[in-house]
Amino acid sequence: MKTLTSLVAASVLLIGASAAQAYDFEQQTKDTLTTETASSRADAYQLGLNKLTQLQSASPRQLFNELDIFSLDADKSSTRIKDGAYVTVQERTAANGKLGYVGLVNVDVSYNEDRDSDND
């Protein structure tokens, strides 16, 4: 019986040690999404605002997929846009000389990755 108790205690310690070596690591990234070309600055700005609103109302998993984040160890449900997202407008000229405007949606994103201590 004493051997069984010792074996169970050793197993619990080993399991605990393995679990203690895994931890969450917060990953942060910046991304800029570009809207389609509009004929005016106001239209491009509105397209950018619409895209930002869509991102802010998306679920964490939708946001992870929309931003094309690549991470094998990511916890997709932890994805979020940090405060400070903003929209700018960029003027562009096509090869044919036609002027157009695009909205640029700038976001800081964070998500957690599950890491083992030996992966550092």
PDB file of N, CA and C in Angstrom:
ATOM      1  N   MET A   1       0.818  -1.193   0.000  1.00  0.00           N
ATOM      2  CA  MET A   1       0.000   0.000   0.000  1.00  0.00           C
ATOM      3  C   MET A   1       0.862   1.257   0.000  1.00  0.00           C
ATOM      4  N   LYS A   2       1.974   1.177   0.747  1.00  0.00           N
ATOM      5  CA  LYS A   2       2.883   2.311   0.813  1.00  0.00           C
ATOM      6  C   LYS A   2       3.491   2.589  -0.564  1.00  0.00           C
ATOM      7  N   THR A   3       3.782   1.533  -1.315  1.00  0.00           N
ATOM      8  CA  THR A   3       4.336   1.681  -2.659  1.00  0.00           C
ATOM      9  C   THR A   3       3.319   2.326  -3.596  1.00  0.00           C
ATOM     10  N   LEU A   4       2.057   1.932  -3.487  1.00  0.00           N
ATOM     11  CA  LEU A   4       0.995   2.505  -4.313  1.00  0.00           C
ATOM     12  C   LEU A   4       0.829   3.988  -4.014  1.00  0.00           C
ATOM     13  N   THR A   5       0.853   4.373  -2.759  1.00  0.00           N
ATOM     14  CA  THR A   5       0.739   5.771  -2.364  1.00  0.00           C
ATOM     15  C   THR A   5       1.914   6.573  -2.902  1.00  0.00           C
ATOM     16  N   SER A   6       3.107   6.019  -2.825  1.00  0.00           N
ATOM     17  CA  SER A   6       4.297   6.694  -3.345  1.00  0.00           C
ATOM     18  C   SER A   6       4.223   6.851  -4.855  1.00  0.00           C
ATOM     19  N   LEU A   7       3.724   5.827  -5.531  1.00  0.00           N
ATOM     20  CA  LEU A   7       3.587   5.866  -6.988  1.00  0.00           C
ATOM     21  C   LEU A   7       2.581   6.928  -7.410  1.00  0.00           C
ATOM     22  N   VAL A   8       1.456   7.000  -6.733  1.00  0.00           N
ATOM     23  CA  VAL A   8       0.430   8.009  -7.035  1.00  0.00           C
ATOM     24  C   VAL A   8       0.985   9.417  -6.778  1.00  0.00           C
ATOM     25  N   ALA A   9       1.683   9.597  -5.683  1.00  0.00           N
ATOM     26  CA  ALA A   9       2.249  10.905  -5.346  1.00  0.00           C
ATOM     27  C   ALA A   9       3.274  11.327  -6.392  1.00  0.00           C
ATOM     28  N   ALA A  10       4.118  10.408  -6.830  1.00  0.00           N
ATOM     29  CA  ALA A  10       5.116  10.716  -7.850  1.00  0.00           C
ATOM     30  C   ALA A  10       4.448  11.062  -9.176  1.00  0.00           C
ATOM     31  N   SER A  11       3.386  10.371  -9.535  1.00  0.00           N
ATOM     32  CA  SER A  11       2.658  10.649 -10.777  1.00  0.00           C
ATOM     33  C   SER A  11       2.050  12.043 -10.742  1.00  0.00           C
ATOM     34  N   VAL A  12       1.460  12.402  -9.622  1.00  0.00           N
ATOM     35  CA  VAL A  12       0.847  13.727  -9.478  1.00  0.00           C
ATOM     36  C   VAL A  12       1.917  14.809  -9.606  1.00  0.00           C
ATOM     37  N   LEU A  13       3.065  14.596  -9.010  1.00  0.00           N
ATOM     38  CA  LEU A  13       4.151  15.571  -9.112  1.00  0.00           C
ATOM     39  C   LEU A  13       4.646  15.719 -10.543  1.00  0.00           C
ATOM     40  N   LEU A  14       4.770  14.624 -11.255  1.00  0.00           N
ATOM     41  CA  LEU A  14       5.220  14.683 -12.648  1.00  0.00           C
ATOM     42  C   LEU A  14       4.210  15.400 -13.539  1.00  0.00           C
ATOM     43  N   ILE A  15       2.947  15.108 -13.345  1.00  0.00           N
ATOM     44  CA  ILE A  15       1.893  15.776 -14.129  1.00  0.00           C
ATOM     45  C   ILE A  15       1.900  17.267 -13.827  1.00  0.00           C
ATOM     46  N   GLY A  16       2.011  17.614 -12.560  1.00  0.00           N
ATOM     47  CA  GLY A  16       2.054  19.019 -12.166  1.00  0.00           C
ATOM     48  C   GLY A  16       3.254  19.738 -12.749  1.00  0.00           C
ATOM     49  N   ALA A  17       4.408  19.090 -12.762  1.00  0.00           N
ATOM     50  CA  ALA A  17       5.617  19.701 -13.319  1.00  0.00           C
ATOM     51  C   ALA A  17       5.466  19.928 -14.817  1.00  0.00           C
ATOM     52  N   SER A  18       4.843  18.991 -15.528  1.00  0.00           N
ATOM     53  CA  SER A  18       4.637  19.153 -16.970  1.00  0.00           C
ATOM     54  C   SER A  18       3.691  20.306 -17.253  1.00  0.00           C
ATOM     55  N   ALA A  19       2.622  20.406 -16.482  1.00  0.00           N
ATOM     56  CA  ALA A  19       1.655  21.481 -16.688  1.00  0.00           C
ATOM     57  C   ALA A  19       2.263  22.830 -16.342  1.00  0.00           C
ATOM     58  N   ALA A  20       3.147  22.858 -15.355  1.00  0.00           N
ATOM     59  CA  ALA A  20       3.762  24.118 -14.954  1.00  0.00           C
ATOM     60  C   ALA A  20       4.692  24.659 -16.028  1.00  0.00           C
ATOM     61  N   GLN A  21       5.166  23.824 -16.933  1.00  0.00           N
ATOM     62  CA  GLN A  21       6.081  24.275 -17.972  1.00  0.00           C
ATOM     63  C   GLN A  21       5.357  24.905 -19.156  1.00  0.00           C
ATOM     64  N   ALA A  22       4.057  24.779 -19.224  1.00  0.00           N
ATOM     65  CA  ALA A  22       3.285  25.412 -20.295  1.00  0.00           C
ATOM     66  C   ALA A  22       2.734  26.742 -19.778  1.00  0.00           C
ATOM     67  N   TYR A  23       2.719  27.750 -20.629  1.00  0.00           N
ATOM     68  CA  TYR A  23       2.192  29.045 -20.216  1.00  0.00           C
ATOM     69  C   TYR A  23       1.652  29.795 -21.429  1.00  0.00           C
ATOM     70  N   ASP A  24       0.834  30.805 -21.145  1.00  0.00           N
ATOM     71  CA  ASP A  24       0.297  31.658 -22.205  1.00  0.00           C
ATOM     72  C   ASP A  24       1.263  32.812 -22.435  1.00  0.00           C
ATOM     73  N   PHE A  25       1.477  33.110 -23.687  1.00  0.00           N
ATOM     74  CA  PHE A  25       2.363  34.185 -24.082  1.00  0.00           C
ATOM     75  C   PHE A  25       1.548  35.141 -24.934  1.00  0.00           C
ATOM     76  N   GLU A  26       1.424  36.404 -24.521  1.00  0.00           N
ATOM     77  CA  GLU A  26       0.644  37.359 -25.301  1.00  0.00           C
ATOM     78  C   GLU A  26       1.465  37.847 -26.488  1.00  0.00           C
ATOM     79  N   GLN A  27       0.916  37.663 -27.642  1.00  0.00           N
ATOM     80  CA  GLN A  27       1.543  38.079 -28.893  1.00  0.00           C
ATOM     81  C   GLN A  27       0.833  39.351 -29.357  1.00  0.00           C
ATOM     82  N   GLN A  28       1.575  40.318 -29.858  1.00  0.00           N
ATOM     83  CA  GLN A  28       0.982  41.545 -30.370  1.00  0.00           C
ATOM     84  C   GLN A  28       1.483  41.794 -31.777  1.00  0.00           C
ATOM     85  N   THR A  29       0.582  42.271 -32.610  1.00  0.00           N
ATOM     86  CA  THR A  29       0.950  42.559 -33.988  1.00  0.00           C
ATOM     87  C   THR A  29       0.175  43.781 -34.468  1.00  0.00           C
ATOM     88  N   LYS A  30       0.721  44.458 -35.451  1.00  0.00           N
ATOM     89  CA  LYS A  30       0.051  45.595 -36.083  1.00  0.00           C
ATOM     90  C   LYS A  30      -0.372  45.145 -37.478  1.00  0.00           C
ATOM     91  N   ASP A  31      -1.509  45.647 -37.918  1.00  0.00           N
ATOM     92  CA  ASP A  31      -1.976  45.293 -39.251  1.00  0.00           C
ATOM     93  C   ASP A  31      -2.645  46.509 -39.875  1.00  0.00           C
ATOM     94  N   THR A  32      -2.549  46.611 -41.180  1.00  0.00           N
ATOM     95  CA  THR A  32      -3.232  47.658 -41.932  1.00  0.00           C
ATOM     96  C   THR A  32      -4.015  46.993 -43.039  1.00  0.00           C
ATOM     97  N   LEU A  33      -5.323  47.212 -43.021  1.00  0.00           N
ATOM     98  CA  LEU A  33      -6.192  46.662 -44.060  1.00  0.00           C
ATOM     99  C   LEU A  33      -6.562  47.783 -45.011  1.00  0.00           C
ATOM    100  N   THR A  34      -6.598  47.471 -46.284  1.00  0.00           N
ATOM    101  CA  THR A  34      -6.897  48.454 -47.323  1.00  0.00           C
ATOM    102  C   THR A  34      -8.274  48.184 -47.905  1.00  0.00           C
ATOM    103  N   THR A  35      -9.061  49.241 -48.044  1.00  0.00           N
ATOM    104  CA  THR A  35     -10.384  49.103 -48.650  1.00  0.00           C
ATOM    105  C   THR A  35     -10.250  49.138 -50.173  1.00  0.00           C
ATOM    106  N   GLU A  36     -11.361  48.929 -50.839  1.00  0.00           N
ATOM    107  CA  GLU A  36     -11.348  49.088 -52.299  1.00  0.00           C
ATOM    108  C   GLU A  36     -11.217  50.575 -52.627  1.00  0.00           C
ATOM    109  N   THR A  37     -10.877  50.877 -53.854  1.00  0.00           N
ATOM    110  CA  THR A  37     -10.670  52.258 -54.294  1.00  0.00           C
ATOM    111  C   THR A  37     -12.011  52.978 -54.418  1.00  0.00           C
ATOM    112  N   ALA A  38     -12.017  54.213 -53.928  1.00  0.00           N
ATOM    113  CA  ALA A  38     -13.208  55.059 -54.012  1.00  0.00           C
ATOM    114  C   ALA A  38     -12.858  56.306 -54.832  1.00  0.00           C
ATOM    115  N   SER A  39     -13.890  56.999 -55.274  1.00  0.00           N
ATOM    116  CA  SER A  39     -13.661  58.172 -56.127  1.00  0.00           C
ATOM    117  C   SER A  39     -13.427  59.449 -55.330  1.00  0.00           C
ATOM    118  N   SER A  40     -13.708  59.433 -54.021  1.00  0.00           N
ATOM    119  CA  SER A  40     -13.482  60.634 -53.208  1.00  0.00           C
ATOM    120  C   SER A  40     -12.877  60.256 -51.861  1.00  0.00           C
ATOM    121  N   ARG A  41     -12.255  61.249 -51.222  1.00  0.00           N
ATOM    122  CA  ARG A  41     -11.685  61.025 -49.889  1.00  0.00           C
ATOM    123  C   ARG A  41     -12.779  60.634 -48.895  1.00  0.00           C
ATOM    124  N   ALA A  42     -13.899  61.307 -48.965  1.00  0.00           N
ATOM    125  CA  ALA A  42     -14.997  61.044 -48.025  1.00  0.00           C
ATOM    126  C   ALA A  42     -15.504  59.612 -48.163  1.00  0.00           C
ATOM    127  N   ASP A  43     -15.638  59.142 -49.393  1.00  0.00           N
ATOM    128  CA  ASP A  43     -16.098  57.769 -49.610  1.00  0.00           C
ATOM    129  C   ASP A  43     -15.074  56.752 -49.090  1.00  0.00           C
ATOM    130  N   ALA A  44     -13.788  57.011 -49.333  1.00  0.00           N
ATOM    131  CA  ALA A  44     -12.746  56.104 -48.859  1.00  0.00           C
ATOM    132  C   ALA A  44     -12.702  56.079 -47.333  1.00  0.00           C
ATOM    133  N   TYR A  45     -12.875  57.232 -46.721  1.00  0.00           N
ATOM    134  CA  TYR A  45     -12.895  57.302 -45.258  1.00  0.00           C
ATOM    135  C   TYR A  45     -14.082  56.510 -44.706  1.00  0.00           C
ATOM    136  N   GLN A  46     -15.229  56.642 -45.323  1.00  0.00           N
ATOM    137  CA  GLN A  46     -16.414  55.909 -44.875  1.00  0.00           C
ATOM    138  C   GLN A  46     -16.231  54.404 -45.038  1.00  0.00           C
ATOM    139  N   LEU A  47     -15.617  53.985 -46.143  1.00  0.00           N
ATOM    140  CA  LEU A  47     -15.320  52.561 -46.334  1.00  0.00           C
ATOM    141  C   LEU A  47     -14.397  52.053 -45.227  1.00  0.00           C
ATOM    142  N   GLY A  48     -13.404  52.864 -44.861  1.00  0.00           N
ATOM    143  CA  GLY A  48     -12.494  52.498 -43.780  1.00  0.00           C
ATOM    144  C   GLY A  48     -13.204  52.400 -42.442  1.00  0.00           C
ATOM    145  N   LEU A  49     -14.070  53.362 -42.156  1.00  0.00           N
ATOM    146  CA  LEU A  49     -14.842  53.322 -40.908  1.00  0.00           C
ATOM    147  C   LEU A  49     -15.751  52.095 -40.856  1.00  0.00           C
ATOM    148  N   ASN A  50     -16.379  51.780 -41.981  1.00  0.00           N
ATOM    149  CA  ASN A  50     -17.243  50.595 -42.035  1.00  0.00           C
ATOM    150  C   ASN A  50     -16.441  49.329 -41.741  1.00  0.00           C
ATOM    151  N   LYS A  51     -15.234  49.236 -42.310  1.00  0.00           N
ATOM    152  CA  LYS A  51     -14.385  48.064 -42.096  1.00  0.00           C
ATOM    153  C   LYS A  51     -13.945  47.982 -40.630  1.00  0.00           C
ATOM    154  N   LEU A  52     -13.585  49.110 -40.049  1.00  0.00           N
ATOM    155  CA  LEU A  52     -13.178  49.127 -38.646  1.00  0.00           C
ATOM    156  C   LEU A  52     -14.336  48.715 -37.739  1.00  0.00           C
ATOM    157  N   THR A  53     -15.515  49.202 -38.019  1.00  0.00           N
ATOM    158  CA  THR A  53     -16.695  48.826 -37.238  1.00  0.00           C
ATOM    159  C   THR A  53     -16.957  47.331 -37.351  1.00  0.00           C
ATOM    160  N   GLN A  54     -16.804  46.786 -38.551  1.00  0.00           N
ATOM    161  CA  GLN A  54     -16.981  45.344 -38.760  1.00  0.00           C
ATOM    162  C   GLN A  54     -15.968  44.554 -37.936  1.00  0.00           C
ATOM    163  N   LEU A  55     -14.712  44.987 -37.936  1.00  0.00           N
ATOM    164  CA  LEU A  55     -13.680  44.293 -37.167  1.00  0.00           C
ATOM    165  C   LEU A  55     -13.961  44.358 -35.672  1.00  0.00           C
ATOM    166  N   GLN A  56     -14.389  45.526 -35.205  1.00  0.00           N
ATOM    167  CA  GLN A  56     -14.640  45.698 -33.782  1.00  0.00           C
ATOM    168  C   GLN A  56     -15.834  44.886 -33.290  1.00  0.00           C
ATOM    169  N   SER A  57     -16.769  44.590 -34.166  1.00  0.00           N
ATOM    170  CA  SER A  57     -17.941  43.807 -33.763  1.00  0.00           C
ATOM    171  C   SER A  57     -17.771  42.308 -34.057  1.00  0.00           C
ATOM    172  N   ALA A  58     -16.667  41.921 -34.673  1.00  0.00           N
ATOM    173  CA  ALA A  58     -16.431  40.514 -34.999  1.00  0.00           C
ATOM    174  C   ALA A  58     -16.085  39.728 -33.737  1.00  0.00           C
ATOM    175  N   SER A  59     -16.395  38.448 -33.769  1.00  0.00           N
ATOM    176  CA  SER A  59     -15.994  37.581 -32.661  1.00  0.00           C
ATOM    177  C   SER A  59     -14.477  37.414 -32.710  1.00  0.00           C
ATOM    178  N   PRO A  60     -13.859  37.011 -31.602  1.00  0.00           N
ATOM    179  CA  PRO A  60     -12.408  36.811 -31.622  1.00  0.00           C
ATOM    180  C   PRO A  60     -11.942  35.851 -32.726  1.00  0.00           C
ATOM    181  N   ARG A  61     -12.675  34.774 -32.949  1.00  0.00           N
ATOM    182  CA  ARG A  61     -12.289  33.816 -34.002  1.00  0.00           C
ATOM    183  C   ARG A  61     -12.427  34.431 -35.396  1.00  0.00           C
ATOM    184  N   GLN A  62     -13.504  35.187 -35.630  1.00  0.00           N
ATOM    185  CA  GLN A  62     -13.675  35.861 -36.917  1.00  0.00           C
ATOM    186  C   GLN A  62     -12.555  36.872 -37.137  1.00  0.00           C
ATOM    187  N   LEU A  63     -12.210  37.592 -36.082  1.00  0.00           N
ATOM    188  CA  LEU A  63     -11.144  38.580 -36.164  1.00  0.00           C
ATOM    189  C   LEU A  63      -9.813  37.911 -36.503  1.00  0.00           C
ATOM    190  N   PHE A  64      -9.528  36.802 -35.858  1.00  0.00           N
ATOM    191  CA  PHE A  64      -8.298  36.046 -36.115  1.00  0.00           C
ATOM    192  C   PHE A  64      -8.224  35.661 -37.591  1.00  0.00           C
ATOM    193  N   ASN A  65      -9.320  35.166 -38.136  1.00  0.00           N
ATOM    194  CA  ASN A  65      -9.350  34.740 -39.539  1.00  0.00           C
ATOM    195  C   ASN A  65      -9.316  35.931 -40.495  1.00  0.00           C
ATOM    196  N   GLU A  66     -10.024  36.990 -40.173  1.00  0.00           N
ATOM    197  CA  GLU A  66     -10.086  38.170 -41.037  1.00  0.00           C
ATOM    198  C   GLU A  66      -8.711  38.822 -41.189  1.00  0.00           C
ATOM    199  N   LEU A  67      -7.936  38.802 -40.123  1.00  0.00           N
ATOM    200  CA  LEU A  67      -6.618  39.432 -40.152  1.00  0.00           C
ATOM    201  C   LEU A  67      -5.522  38.487 -40.633  1.00  0.00           C
ATOM    202  N   ASP A  68      -5.900  37.268 -41.012  1.00  0.00           N
ATOM    203  CA  ASP A  68      -4.943  36.279 -41.531  1.00  0.00           C
ATOM    204  C   ASP A  68      -3.742  36.087 -40.615  1.00  0.00           C
ATOM    205  N   ILE A  69      -4.009  35.951 -39.326  1.00  0.00           N
ATOM    206  CA  ILE A  69      -2.935  35.702 -38.365  1.00  0.00           C
ATOM    207  C   ILE A  69      -2.504  34.256 -38.517  1.00  0.00           C
ATOM    208  N   PHE A  70      -1.206  34.041 -38.607  1.00  0.00           N
ATOM    209  CA  PHE A  70      -0.699  32.679 -38.724  1.00  0.00           C
ATOM    210  C   PHE A  70       0.064  32.328 -37.454  1.00  0.00           C
ATOM    211  N   SER A  71      -0.481  31.393 -36.705  1.00  0.00           N
ATOM    212  CA  SER A  71       0.181  30.899 -35.506  1.00  0.00           C
ATOM    213  C   SER A  71      -0.413  29.544 -35.173  1.00  0.00           C
ATOM    214  N   LEU A  72       0.423  28.534 -35.137  1.00  0.00           N
ATOM    215  CA  LEU A  72      -0.045  27.189 -34.826  1.00  0.00           C
ATOM    216  C   LEU A  72      -0.453  27.038 -33.365  1.00  0.00           C
ATOM    217  N   ASP A  73       0.133  27.859 -32.490  1.00  0.00           N
ATOM    218  CA  ASP A  73      -0.120  27.742 -31.059  1.00  0.00           C
ATOM    219  C   ASP A  73      -1.107  28.783 -30.538  1.00  0.00           C
ATOM    220  N   ALA A  74      -1.763  29.520 -31.423  1.00  0.00           N
ATOM    221  CA  ALA A  74      -2.627  30.618 -30.997  1.00  0.00           C
ATOM    222  C   ALA A  74      -3.920  30.125 -30.375  1.00  0.00           C
ATOM    223  N   ASP A  75      -4.348  30.851 -29.360  1.00  0.00           N
ATOM    224  CA  ASP A  75      -5.677  30.666 -28.778  1.00  0.00           C
ATOM    225  C   ASP A  75      -6.575  31.675 -29.506  1.00  0.00           C
ATOM    226  N   LYS A  76      -7.249  31.214 -30.539  1.00  0.00           N
ATOM    227  CA  LYS A  76      -8.034  32.107 -31.397  1.00  0.00           C
ATOM    228  C   LYS A  76      -9.097  32.872 -30.615  1.00  0.00           C
ATOM    229  N   SER A  77      -9.599  32.290 -29.552  1.00  0.00           N
ATOM    230  CA  SER A  77     -10.654  32.938 -28.778  1.00  0.00           C
ATOM    231  C   SER A  77     -10.138  34.111 -27.944  1.00  0.00           C
ATOM    232  N   SER A  78      -8.831  34.330 -27.932  1.00  0.00           N
ATOM    233  CA  SER A  78      -8.272  35.449 -27.166  1.00  0.00           C
ATOM    234  C   SER A  78      -7.950  36.656 -28.049  1.00  0.00           C
ATOM    235  N   THR A  79      -8.222  36.576 -29.336  1.00  0.00           N
ATOM    236  CA  THR A  79      -7.882  37.646 -30.271  1.00  0.00           C
ATOM    237  C   THR A  79      -8.734  38.879 -30.007  1.00  0.00           C
ATOM    238  N   ARG A  80      -8.085  40.040 -29.947  1.00  0.00           N
ATOM    239  CA  ARG A  80      -8.821  41.289 -29.741  1.00  0.00           C
ATOM    240  C   ARG A  80      -8.069  42.454 -30.357  1.00  0.00           C
ATOM    241  N   ILE A  81      -8.824  43.485 -30.719  1.00  0.00           N
ATOM    242  CA  ILE A  81      -8.239  44.728 -31.200  1.00  0.00           C
ATOM    243  C   ILE A  81      -7.999  45.607 -29.985  1.00  0.00           C
ATOM    244  N   LYS A  82      -6.804  46.121 -29.886  1.00  0.00           N
ATOM    245  CA  LYS A  82      -6.472  46.998 -28.772  1.00  0.00           C
ATOM    246  C   LYS A  82      -6.999  48.402 -29.053  1.00  0.00           C
ATOM    247  N   ASP A  83      -7.121  49.202 -28.016  1.00  0.00           N
ATOM    248  CA  ASP A  83      -7.554  50.589 -28.169  1.00  0.00           C
ATOM    249  C   ASP A  83      -6.580  51.342 -29.063  1.00  0.00           C
ATOM    250  N   GLY A  84      -7.092  52.322 -29.781  1.00  0.00           N
ATOM    251  CA  GLY A  84      -6.235  53.159 -30.611  1.00  0.00           C
ATOM    252  C   GLY A  84      -6.303  52.864 -32.090  1.00  0.00           C
ATOM    253  N   ALA A  85      -7.225  51.996 -32.522  1.00  0.00           N
ATOM    254  CA  ALA A  85      -7.374  51.729 -33.962  1.00  0.00           C
ATOM    255  C   ALA A  85      -7.827  53.018 -34.649  1.00  0.00           C
ATOM    256  N   TYR A  86      -7.383  53.207 -35.892  1.00  0.00           N
ATOM    257  CA  TYR A  86      -7.750  54.430 -36.599  1.00  0.00           C
ATOM    258  C   TYR A  86      -7.783  54.199 -38.110  1.00  0.00           C
ATOM    259  N   VAL A  87      -8.405  55.152 -38.800  1.00  0.00           N
ATOM    260  CA  VAL A  87      -8.566  55.092 -40.256  1.00  0.00           C
ATOM    261  C   VAL A  87      -7.883  56.306 -40.874  1.00  0.00           C
ATOM    262  N   THR A  88      -7.152  56.062 -41.950  1.00  0.00           N
ATOM    263  CA  THR A  88      -6.593  57.150 -42.746  1.00  0.00           C
ATOM    264  C   THR A  88      -7.002  56.925 -44.200  1.00  0.00           C
ATOM    265  N   VAL A  89      -6.783  57.935 -45.015  1.00  0.00           N
ATOM    266  CA  VAL A  89      -7.091  57.838 -46.445  1.00  0.00           C
ATOM    267  C   VAL A  89      -5.807  58.083 -47.221  1.00  0.00           C
ATOM    268  N   GLN A  90      -5.598  57.272 -48.229  1.00  0.00           N
ATOM    269  CA  GLN A  90      -4.417  57.409 -49.083  1.00  0.00           C
ATOM    270  C   GLN A  90      -4.864  57.688 -50.509  1.00  0.00           C
ATOM    271  N   GLU A  91      -4.214  58.671 -51.120  1.00  0.00           N
ATOM    272  CA  GLU A  91      -4.490  59.016 -52.516  1.00  0.00           C
ATOM    273  C   GLU A  91      -3.590  58.161 -53.398  1.00  0.00           C
ATOM    274  N   ARG A  92      -4.174  57.624 -54.459  1.00  0.00           N
ATOM    275  CA  ARG A  92      -3.407  56.782 -55.386  1.00  0.00           C
ATOM    276  C   ARG A  92      -3.717  57.185 -56.820  1.00  0.00           C
ATOM    277  N   THR A  93      -2.715  57.052 -57.645  1.00  0.00           N
ATOM    278  CA  THR A  93      -2.901  57.302 -59.072  1.00  0.00           C
ATOM    279  C   THR A  93      -2.625  56.004 -59.817  1.00  0.00           C
ATOM    280  N   ALA A  94      -3.567  55.580 -60.632  1.00  0.00           N
ATOM    281  CA  ALA A  94      -3.420  54.353 -61.414  1.00  0.00           C
ATOM    282  C   ALA A  94      -2.471  54.607 -62.589  1.00  0.00           C
ATOM    283  N   ALA A  95      -2.061  53.533 -63.218  1.00  0.00           N
ATOM    284  CA  ALA A  95      -1.147  53.638 -64.365  1.00  0.00           C
ATOM    285  C   ALA A  95      -1.730  54.494 -65.484  1.00  0.00           C
ATOM    286  N   ASN A  96      -3.049  54.520 -65.585  1.00  0.00           N
ATOM    287  CA  ASN A  96      -3.698  55.319 -66.632  1.00  0.00           C
ATOM    288  C   ASN A  96      -3.872  56.782 -66.219  1.00  0.00           C
ATOM    289  N   GLY A  97      -3.370  57.157 -65.020  1.00  0.00           N
ATOM    290  CA  GLY A  97      -3.454  58.538 -64.562  1.00  0.00           C
ATOM    291  C   GLY A  97      -4.707  58.863 -63.773  1.00  0.00           C
ATOM    292  N   LYS A  98      -5.610  57.909 -63.614  1.00  0.00           N
ATOM    293  CA  LYS A  98      -6.856  58.144 -62.892  1.00  0.00           C
ATOM    294  C   LYS A  98      -6.589  58.171 -61.387  1.00  0.00           C
ATOM    295  N   LEU A  99      -7.107  59.196 -60.717  1.00  0.00           N
ATOM    296  CA  LEU A  99      -6.926  59.386 -59.290  1.00  0.00           C
ATOM    297  C   LEU A  99      -7.979  58.604 -58.510  1.00  0.00           C
ATOM    298  N   GLY A 100      -7.568  57.990 -57.413  1.00  0.00           N
ATOM    299  CA  GLY A 100      -8.494  57.255 -56.558  1.00  0.00           C
ATOM    300  C   GLY A 100      -8.034  57.344 -55.115  1.00  0.00           C
ATOM    301  N   TYR A 101      -8.892  56.916 -54.208  1.00  0.00           N
ATOM    302  CA  TYR A 101      -8.605  56.984 -52.778  1.00  0.00           C
ATOM    303  C   TYR A 101      -8.944  55.645 -52.129  1.00  0.00           C
ATOM    304  N   VAL A 102      -8.101  55.228 -51.172  1.00  0.00           N
ATOM    305  CA  VAL A 102      -8.379  54.010 -50.418  1.00  0.00           C
ATOM    306  C   VAL A 102      -8.360  54.335 -48.930  1.00  0.00           C
ATOM    307  N   GLY A 103      -9.212  53.647 -48.185  1.00  0.00           N
ATOM    308  CA  GLY A 103      -9.194  53.756 -46.737  1.00  0.00           C
ATOM    309  C   GLY A 103      -8.197  52.761 -46.176  1.00  0.00           C
ATOM    310  N   LEU A 104      -7.412  53.190 -45.208  1.00  0.00           N
ATOM    311  CA  LEU A 104      -6.454  52.318 -44.530  1.00  0.00           C
ATOM    312  C   LEU A 104      -6.887  52.165 -43.079  1.00  0.00           C
ATOM    313  N   VAL A 105      -7.179  50.938 -42.679  1.00  0.00           N
ATOM    314  CA  VAL A 105      -7.625  50.650 -41.316  1.00  0.00           C
ATOM    315  C   VAL A 105      -6.419  50.112 -40.553  1.00  0.00           C
ATOM    316  N   ASN A 106      -5.977  50.852 -39.558  1.00  0.00           N
ATOM    317  CA  ASN A 106      -4.782  50.516 -38.783  1.00  0.00           C
ATOM    318  C   ASN A 106      -5.192  49.988 -37.420  1.00  0.00           C
ATOM    319  N   VAL A 107      -4.782  48.756 -37.114  1.00  0.00           N
ATOM    320  CA  VAL A 107      -5.166  48.127 -35.845  1.00  0.00           C
ATOM    321  C   VAL A 107      -3.957  47.487 -35.169  1.00  0.00           C
ATOM    322  N   ASP A 108      -3.980  47.513 -33.854  1.00  0.00           N
ATOM    323  CA  ASP A 108      -3.054  46.736 -33.033  1.00  0.00           C
ATOM    324  C   ASP A 108      -3.863  45.571 -32.502  1.00  0.00           C
ATOM    325  N   VAL A 109      -3.347  44.370 -32.667  1.00  0.00           N
ATOM    326  CA  VAL A 109      -4.074  43.157 -32.301  1.00  0.00           C
ATOM    327  C   VAL A 109      -3.251  42.369 -31.297  1.00  0.00           C
ATOM    328  N   SER A 110      -3.944  41.744 -30.353  1.00  0.00           N
ATOM    329  CA  SER A 110      -3.245  40.845 -29.436  1.00  0.00           C
ATOM    330  C   SER A 110      -3.994  39.522 -29.368  1.00  0.00           C
ATOM    331  N   TYR A 111      -3.234  38.471 -29.088  1.00  0.00           N
ATOM    332  CA  TYR A 111      -3.801  37.138 -28.897  1.00  0.00           C
ATOM    333  C   TYR A 111      -2.804  36.334 -28.077  1.00  0.00           C
ATOM    334  N   ASN A 112      -3.275  35.293 -27.440  1.00  0.00           N
ATOM    335  CA  ASN A 112      -2.410  34.449 -26.621  1.00  0.00           C
ATOM    336  C   ASN A 112      -1.939  33.240 -27.412  1.00  0.00           C
ATOM    337  N   GLU A 113      -0.722  32.842 -27.130  1.00  0.00           N
ATOM    338  CA  GLU A 113      -0.178  31.606 -27.669  1.00  0.00           C
ATOM    339  C   GLU A 113       0.127  30.687 -26.496  1.00  0.00           C
ATOM    340  N   ASP A 114      -0.159  29.409 -26.668  1.00  0.00           N
ATOM    341  CA  ASP A 114       0.193  28.420 -25.669  1.00  0.00           C
ATOM    342  C   ASP A 114       1.613  27.975 -25.970  1.00  0.00           C
ATOM    343  N   ARG A 115       2.490  28.173 -25.031  1.00  0.00           N
ATOM    344  CA  ARG A 115       3.890  27.840 -25.243  1.00  0.00           C
ATOM    345  C   ARG A 115       4.396  26.903 -24.162  1.00  0.00           C
ATOM    346  N   ASP A 116       5.333  26.074 -24.519  1.00  0.00           N
ATOM    347  CA  ASP A 116       6.066  25.275 -23.548  1.00  0.00           C
ATOM    348  C   ASP A 116       7.312  26.048 -23.190  1.00  0.00           C
ATOM    349  N   SER A 117       7.772  25.903 -21.968  1.00  0.00           N
ATOM    350  CA  SER A 117       8.947  26.668 -21.530  1.00  0.00           C
ATOM    351  C   SER A 117      10.197  26.309 -22.323  1.00  0.00           C
ATOM    352  N   ASP A 118      10.233  25.120 -22.936  1.00  0.00           N
ATOM    353  CA  ASP A 118      11.407  24.761 -23.715  1.00  0.00           C
ATOM    354  C   ASP A 118      11.344  25.252 -25.160  1.00  0.00           C
ATOM    355  N   ASN A 119      10.251  25.983 -25.547  1.00  0.00           N
ATOM    356  CA  ASN A 119      10.123  26.556 -26.884  1.00  0.00           C
ATOM    357  C   ASN A 119      10.655  27.977 -26.955  1.00  0.00           C
ATOM    358  N   ASP A 120      11.132  28.532 -25.863  1.00  0.00           N
ATOM    359  CA  ASP A 120      11.572  29.927 -25.843  1.00  0.00           C
ATOM    360  C   ASP A 120      12.804  30.163 -26.657  1.00  0.00           C
TER     361      ASP A 120
END
